[in-house]
Amino acid sequence: MTPERPIVYREAQPADKERIDAIDDSFTTDTVYEVVVGDEGFALRSAFVDPPLVKTFPDDEDGEDDGVADGVHVEVAVDDGTVCGFVAVGVEEWHRRLVVQQIAVASTHRGLGVGAALMQRACAYGSRLGARTAWLETTNVNVPAIRAYRRMGFSFCGLDTTLYRGTSSEGETALFMSKELGAGG
């Protein structure tokens, strides 16, 4: 990305699917959140891990393709003709909630604001459709994403210690985050 060639953000097109699928959403972290159970509930505690944890997400375990299901809206970030990030969202109308199904930024473009710009576009889309909140789920080991979501205005709203049972993420805890949407997301 250079000043002469700014990143272009737009709604995904069918021709983008292969490039979206090629984005590597793996990450490395030396910190995870441990879930601590107490008499009055749960707390999260930051824990150092050595060696650093390398997480590679498997292909969808449910067999669905990301971003192609009915009712899913996908935005992409394009740098010099190459898709370098995407966000897939849907609106659950019964409670007017924007659900962030997936967001990924190529490792070459992380830390440049691409994820924040994609999330802003997704939230604006949700607001236009009447969504009052944005909601997402992530794993307790994805501390880089959690930090980014918090910078984007999301806060913890729940967890599930059983969601990943029987999956390749067994032993991890699902963390739910949300944020209020105003005019324009």
C-alpha atoms as a PDB file:
ATOM      1  CA  MET A   1       0.000   0.000   0.000  1.00  0.00           C
ATOM      2  CA  THR A   2       1.381   3.376  -1.000  1.00  0.00           C
ATOM      3  CA  PRO A   3      -0.066   6.901  -0.915  1.00  0.00           C
ATOM      4  CA  GLU A   4      -0.356   6.728  -4.708  1.00  0.00           C
ATOM      5  CA  ARG A   5      -2.435   3.542  -4.484  1.00  0.00           C
ATOM      6  CA  PRO A   6      -4.816   3.716  -1.550  1.00  0.00           C
ATOM      7  CA  ILE A   7      -6.692   0.620  -0.476  1.00  0.00           C
ATOM      8  CA  VAL A   8     -10.129   0.418  -2.067  1.00  0.00           C
ATOM      9  CA  TYR A   9     -13.056  -0.826   0.022  1.00  0.00           C
ATOM     10  CA  ARG A  10     -16.114  -2.204  -1.708  1.00  0.00           C
ATOM     11  CA  GLU A  11     -18.790  -4.873  -1.611  1.00  0.00           C
ATOM     12  CA  ALA A  12     -17.438  -8.264  -2.640  1.00  0.00           C
ATOM     13  CA  GLN A  13     -18.156  -9.612  -6.091  1.00  0.00           C
ATOM     14  CA  PRO A  14     -18.419 -13.294  -7.083  1.00  0.00           C
ATOM     15  CA  ALA A  15     -14.982 -13.086  -8.716  1.00  0.00           C
ATOM     16  CA  ASP A  16     -13.474 -12.210  -5.295  1.00  0.00           C
ATOM     17  CA  LYS A  17     -14.346 -15.566  -3.689  1.00  0.00           C
ATOM     18  CA  GLU A  18     -11.113 -17.341  -4.595  1.00  0.00           C
ATOM     19  CA  ARG A  19      -9.019 -14.399  -3.375  1.00  0.00           C
ATOM     20  CA  ILE A  20     -11.037 -14.199  -0.141  1.00  0.00           C
ATOM     21  CA  ASP A  21     -10.513 -17.909   0.462  1.00  0.00           C
ATOM     22  CA  ALA A  22      -6.757 -17.476  -0.072  1.00  0.00           C
ATOM     23  CA  ILE A  23      -6.337 -15.014   2.823  1.00  0.00           C
ATOM     24  CA  ASP A  24      -4.284 -16.583   5.598  1.00  0.00           C
ATOM     25  CA  ASP A  25      -6.033 -15.786   8.885  1.00  0.00           C
ATOM     26  CA  SER A  26      -3.542 -17.621  11.097  1.00  0.00           C
ATOM     27  CA  PHE A  27      -1.828 -15.734  13.900  1.00  0.00           C
ATOM     28  CA  THR A  28       0.897 -16.028  16.516  1.00  0.00           C
ATOM     29  CA  THR A  29       0.555 -14.777  20.093  1.00  0.00           C
ATOM     30  CA  ASP A  30       2.564 -14.947  23.281  1.00  0.00           C
ATOM     31  CA  THR A  31      -0.510 -14.121  25.373  1.00  0.00           C
ATOM     32  CA  VAL A  32      -3.872 -15.843  25.822  1.00  0.00           C
ATOM     33  CA  TYR A  33      -6.834 -15.172  28.062  1.00  0.00           C
ATOM     34  CA  GLU A  34      -7.538 -17.820  30.682  1.00  0.00           C
ATOM     35  CA  VAL A  35     -11.071 -18.120  31.982  1.00  0.00           C
ATOM     36  CA  VAL A  36     -11.106 -18.042  35.785  1.00  0.00           C
ATOM     37  CA  VAL A  37     -14.244 -19.375  37.464  1.00  0.00           C
ATOM     38  CA  GLY A  38     -15.275 -17.905  40.821  1.00  0.00           C
ATOM     39  CA  ASP A  39     -18.280 -18.113  43.113  1.00  0.00           C
ATOM     40  CA  GLU A  40     -19.880 -15.076  41.478  1.00  0.00           C
ATOM     41  CA  GLY A  41     -19.034 -15.773  37.839  1.00  0.00           C
ATOM     42  CA  PHE A  42     -16.164 -15.675  35.411  1.00  0.00           C
ATOM     43  CA  ALA A  43     -13.155 -13.472  34.865  1.00  0.00           C
ATOM     44  CA  LEU A  44     -10.488 -13.327  32.191  1.00  0.00           C
ATOM     45  CA  ARG A  45      -6.827 -13.342  33.137  1.00  0.00           C
ATOM     46  CA  SER A  46      -4.028 -12.589  30.707  1.00  0.00           C
ATOM     47  CA  ALA A  47      -1.443 -15.384  30.619  1.00  0.00           C
ATOM     48  CA  PHE A  48       1.962 -15.482  28.921  1.00  0.00           C
ATOM     49  CA  VAL A  49       2.663 -18.550  26.756  1.00  0.00           C
ATOM     50  CA  ASP A  50       6.134 -19.738  25.840  1.00  0.00           C
ATOM     51  CA  PRO A  51       6.728 -20.792  23.167  1.00  0.00           C
ATOM     52  CA  PRO A  52       4.256 -18.470  21.448  1.00  0.00           C
ATOM     53  CA  LEU A  53       1.028 -20.077  20.263  1.00  0.00           C
ATOM     54  CA  VAL A  54       0.609 -20.397  16.500  1.00  0.00           C
ATOM     55  CA  LYS A  55      -3.045 -20.788  15.526  1.00  0.00           C
ATOM     56  CA  THR A  56      -4.107 -21.903  12.088  1.00  0.00           C
ATOM     57  CA  PHE A  57      -7.823 -22.115  11.487  1.00  0.00           C
ATOM     58  CA  PRO A  58      -9.044 -25.198   9.606  1.00  0.00           C
ATOM     59  CA  ASP A  59     -11.368 -24.950   6.667  1.00  0.00           C
ATOM     60  CA  ASP A  60     -14.951 -24.557   7.829  1.00  0.00           C
ATOM     61  CA  GLU A  61     -15.809 -27.643   9.812  1.00  0.00           C
ATOM     62  CA  ASP A  62     -19.496 -27.345   8.938  1.00  0.00           C
ATOM     63  CA  GLY A  63     -18.773 -27.490   5.220  1.00  0.00           C
ATOM     64  CA  GLU A  64     -20.208 -24.050   4.483  1.00  0.00           C
ATOM     65  CA  ASP A  65     -18.361 -21.595   2.308  1.00  0.00           C
ATOM     66  CA  ASP A  66     -17.694 -18.226   3.911  1.00  0.00           C
ATOM     67  CA  GLY A  67     -19.403 -15.262   2.370  1.00  0.00           C
ATOM     68  CA  VAL A  68     -21.631 -17.101  -0.098  1.00  0.00           C
ATOM     69  CA  ALA A  69     -24.637 -18.070   2.011  1.00  0.00           C
ATOM     70  CA  ASP A  70     -27.903 -16.249   1.450  1.00  0.00           C
ATOM     71  CA  GLY A  71     -28.217 -13.147   3.595  1.00  0.00           C
ATOM     72  CA  VAL A  72     -24.468 -12.731   4.104  1.00  0.00           C
ATOM     73  CA  HIS A  73     -22.999  -9.375   3.175  1.00  0.00           C
ATOM     74  CA  VAL A  74     -19.280  -9.314   2.366  1.00  0.00           C
ATOM     75  CA  GLU A  75     -17.025  -6.270   2.080  1.00  0.00           C
ATOM     76  CA  VAL A  76     -13.453  -6.490   0.784  1.00  0.00           C
ATOM     77  CA  ALA A  77     -10.318  -4.403   0.964  1.00  0.00           C
ATOM     78  CA  VAL A  78      -8.345  -4.332  -2.290  1.00  0.00           C
ATOM     79  CA  ASP A  79      -4.740  -3.157  -2.603  1.00  0.00           C
ATOM     80  CA  ASP A  80      -3.350  -2.882  -6.131  1.00  0.00           C
ATOM     81  CA  GLY A  81      -5.901  -5.363  -7.448  1.00  0.00           C
ATOM     82  CA  THR A  82      -5.372  -7.922  -4.653  1.00  0.00           C
ATOM     83  CA  VAL A  83      -7.954  -8.652  -1.972  1.00  0.00           C
ATOM     84  CA  CYS A  84      -6.100  -8.078   1.304  1.00  0.00           C
ATOM     85  CA  GLY A  85      -9.014  -8.363   3.729  1.00  0.00           C
ATOM     86  CA  PHE A  86     -12.698  -9.058   4.074  1.00  0.00           C
ATOM     87  CA  VAL A  87     -15.571  -9.036   6.528  1.00  0.00           C
ATOM     88  CA  ALA A  88     -18.695 -11.200   6.278  1.00  0.00           C
ATOM     89  CA  VAL A  89     -21.791 -10.116   8.215  1.00  0.00           C
ATOM     90  CA  GLY A  90     -25.479 -10.767   8.508  1.00  0.00           C
ATOM     91  CA  VAL A  91     -28.333  -9.029  10.288  1.00  0.00           C
ATOM     92  CA  GLU A  92     -30.566 -11.003  12.620  1.00  0.00           C
ATOM     93  CA  GLU A  93     -33.772  -9.042  12.235  1.00  0.00           C
ATOM     94  CA  TRP A  94     -35.699 -10.400  15.228  1.00  0.00           C
ATOM     95  CA  HIS A  95     -33.428  -8.528  17.622  1.00  0.00           C
ATOM     96  CA  ARG A  96     -31.817  -6.148  15.157  1.00  0.00           C
ATOM     97  CA  ARG A  97     -28.269  -7.394  15.654  1.00  0.00           C
ATOM     98  CA  LEU A  98     -25.415  -7.320  13.145  1.00  0.00           C
ATOM     99  CA  VAL A  99     -23.464 -10.581  13.433  1.00  0.00           C
ATOM    100  CA  VAL A 100     -19.845 -10.453  12.314  1.00  0.00           C
ATOM    101  CA  GLN A 101     -19.381 -13.953  10.951  1.00  0.00           C
ATOM    102  CA  GLN A 102     -15.766 -13.565   9.915  1.00  0.00           C
ATOM    103  CA  ILE A 103     -13.170 -10.881   9.422  1.00  0.00           C
ATOM    104  CA  ALA A 104      -9.655 -11.479   8.142  1.00  0.00           C
ATOM    105  CA  VAL A 105      -6.777  -9.321   7.006  1.00  0.00           C
ATOM    106  CA  ALA A 106      -3.735 -10.638   5.154  1.00  0.00           C
ATOM    107  CA  SER A 107      -0.638 -10.653   7.360  1.00  0.00           C
ATOM    108  CA  THR A 108       1.030  -8.143   5.016  1.00  0.00           C
ATOM    109  CA  HIS A 109      -1.712  -5.610   5.776  1.00  0.00           C
ATOM    110  CA  ARG A 110      -2.237  -6.089   9.514  1.00  0.00           C
ATOM    111  CA  GLY A 111      -1.676  -3.056  11.698  1.00  0.00           C
ATOM    112  CA  LEU A 112      -2.518  -0.647   8.873  1.00  0.00           C
ATOM    113  CA  GLY A 113      -6.158  -0.018   9.781  1.00  0.00           C
ATOM    114  CA  VAL A 114      -7.613  -2.376   7.178  1.00  0.00           C
ATOM    115  CA  GLY A 115      -9.572  -4.406   9.743  1.00  0.00           C
ATOM    116  CA  ALA A 116     -10.917  -1.255  11.402  1.00  0.00           C
ATOM    117  CA  ALA A 117     -12.023   0.167   8.048  1.00  0.00           C
ATOM    118  CA  LEU A 118     -13.736  -3.103   7.115  1.00  0.00           C
ATOM    119  CA  MET A 119     -15.479  -3.258  10.491  1.00  0.00           C
ATOM    120  CA  GLN A 120     -16.600   0.361  10.149  1.00  0.00           C
ATOM    121  CA  ARG A 121     -18.127  -0.444   6.750  1.00  0.00           C
ATOM    122  CA  ALA A 122     -19.802  -3.565   8.158  1.00  0.00           C
ATOM    123  CA  CYS A 123     -21.268  -1.627  11.077  1.00  0.00           C
ATOM    124  CA  ALA A 124     -22.516   1.118   8.748  1.00  0.00           C
ATOM    125  CA  TYR A 125     -24.193  -1.574   6.653  1.00  0.00           C
ATOM    126  CA  GLY A 126     -25.866  -2.970   9.779  1.00  0.00           C
ATOM    127  CA  SER A 127     -27.010   0.484  10.863  1.00  0.00           C
ATOM    128  CA  ARG A 128     -28.568   1.106   7.453  1.00  0.00           C
ATOM    129  CA  LEU A 129     -30.590  -2.091   7.934  1.00  0.00           C
ATOM    130  CA  GLY A 130     -31.706  -1.052  11.411  1.00  0.00           C
ATOM    131  CA  ALA A 131     -29.286  -3.097  13.537  1.00  0.00           C
ATOM    132  CA  ARG A 132     -28.860  -1.693  17.045  1.00  0.00           C
ATOM    133  CA  THR A 133     -25.791  -3.702  18.053  1.00  0.00           C
ATOM    134  CA  ALA A 134     -22.880  -5.502  16.438  1.00  0.00           C
ATOM    135  CA  TRP A 135     -21.868  -8.875  17.886  1.00  0.00           C
ATOM    136  CA  LEU A 136     -19.034 -11.299  17.265  1.00  0.00           C
ATOM    137  CA  GLU A 137     -17.475 -14.461  18.660  1.00  0.00           C
ATOM    138  CA  THR A 138     -13.778 -15.190  18.969  1.00  0.00           C
ATOM    139  CA  THR A 139     -11.588 -17.602  20.858  1.00  0.00           C
ATOM    140  CA  ASN A 140      -9.776 -16.758  24.079  1.00  0.00           C
ATOM    141  CA  VAL A 141      -6.446 -17.467  22.391  1.00  0.00           C
ATOM    142  CA  ASN A 142      -6.930 -14.855  19.667  1.00  0.00           C
ATOM    143  CA  VAL A 143      -5.577 -12.010  21.767  1.00  0.00           C
ATOM    144  CA  PRO A 144      -4.385  -9.994  18.721  1.00  0.00           C
ATOM    145  CA  ALA A 145      -7.968  -9.900  17.395  1.00  0.00           C
ATOM    146  CA  ILE A 146      -9.450  -9.213  20.844  1.00  0.00           C
ATOM    147  CA  ARG A 147      -7.151  -6.209  21.228  1.00  0.00           C
ATOM    148  CA  ALA A 148      -8.178  -4.964  17.781  1.00  0.00           C
ATOM    149  CA  TYR A 149     -11.897  -5.443  18.517  1.00  0.00           C
ATOM    150  CA  ARG A 150     -11.538  -3.499  21.754  1.00  0.00           C
ATOM    151  CA  ARG A 151      -9.873  -0.636  19.847  1.00  0.00           C
ATOM    152  CA  MET A 152     -12.867  -0.764  17.493  1.00  0.00           C
ATOM    153  CA  GLY A 153     -15.242  -0.215  20.426  1.00  0.00           C
ATOM    154  CA  PHE A 154     -16.277  -3.782  21.208  1.00  0.00           C
ATOM    155  CA  SER A 155     -16.480  -5.050  24.787  1.00  0.00           C
ATOM    156  CA  PHE A 156     -16.946  -8.484  26.313  1.00  0.00           C
ATOM    157  CA  CYS A 157     -20.557  -9.533  26.746  1.00  0.00           C
ATOM    158  CA  GLY A 158     -20.340 -13.275  27.396  1.00  0.00           C
ATOM    159  CA  LEU A 159     -18.538 -16.554  26.986  1.00  0.00           C
ATOM    160  CA  ASP A 160     -19.177 -20.223  26.311  1.00  0.00           C
ATOM    161  CA  THR A 161     -16.845 -22.876  27.675  1.00  0.00           C
ATOM    162  CA  THR A 162     -18.515 -25.629  25.599  1.00  0.00           C
ATOM    163  CA  LEU A 163     -18.876 -24.152  22.097  1.00  0.00           C
ATOM    164  CA  TYR A 164     -15.713 -25.720  20.672  1.00  0.00           C
ATOM    165  CA  ARG A 165     -16.158 -29.231  22.100  1.00  0.00           C
ATOM    166  CA  GLY A 166     -15.574 -31.859  19.461  1.00  0.00           C
ATOM    167  CA  THR A 167     -13.804 -29.407  17.141  1.00  0.00           C
ATOM    168  CA  SER A 168     -10.183 -28.663  16.351  1.00  0.00           C
ATOM    169  CA  SER A 169     -10.439 -25.788  18.878  1.00  0.00           C
ATOM    170  CA  GLU A 170     -11.342 -28.089  21.766  1.00  0.00           C
ATOM    171  CA  GLY A 171     -10.142 -26.629  25.079  1.00  0.00           C
ATOM    172  CA  GLU A 172     -10.545 -23.022  23.964  1.00  0.00           C
ATOM    173  CA  THR A 173     -13.310 -20.746  25.238  1.00  0.00           C
ATOM    174  CA  ALA A 174     -15.642 -18.766  22.998  1.00  0.00           C
ATOM    175  CA  LEU A 175     -15.702 -15.082  23.938  1.00  0.00           C
ATOM    176  CA  PHE A 176     -18.559 -12.892  22.757  1.00  0.00           C
ATOM    177  CA  MET A 177     -18.116  -9.185  22.165  1.00  0.00           C
ATOM    178  CA  SER A 178     -20.556  -6.474  21.188  1.00  0.00           C
ATOM    179  CA  LYS A 179     -20.905  -2.786  20.594  1.00  0.00           C
ATOM    180  CA  GLU A 180     -23.792  -0.392  20.225  1.00  0.00           C
ATOM    181  CA  LEU A 181     -24.422   0.921  16.735  1.00  0.00           C
ATOM    182  CA  GLY A 182     -25.390   4.510  16.211  1.00  0.00           C
ATOM    183  CA  ALA A 183     -26.012   6.414  13.059  1.00  0.00           C
ATOM    184  CA  GLY A 184     -23.426   5.184  10.559  1.00  0.00           C
ATOM    185  CA  GLY A 185     -22.151   2.327  12.777  1.00  0.00           C
END
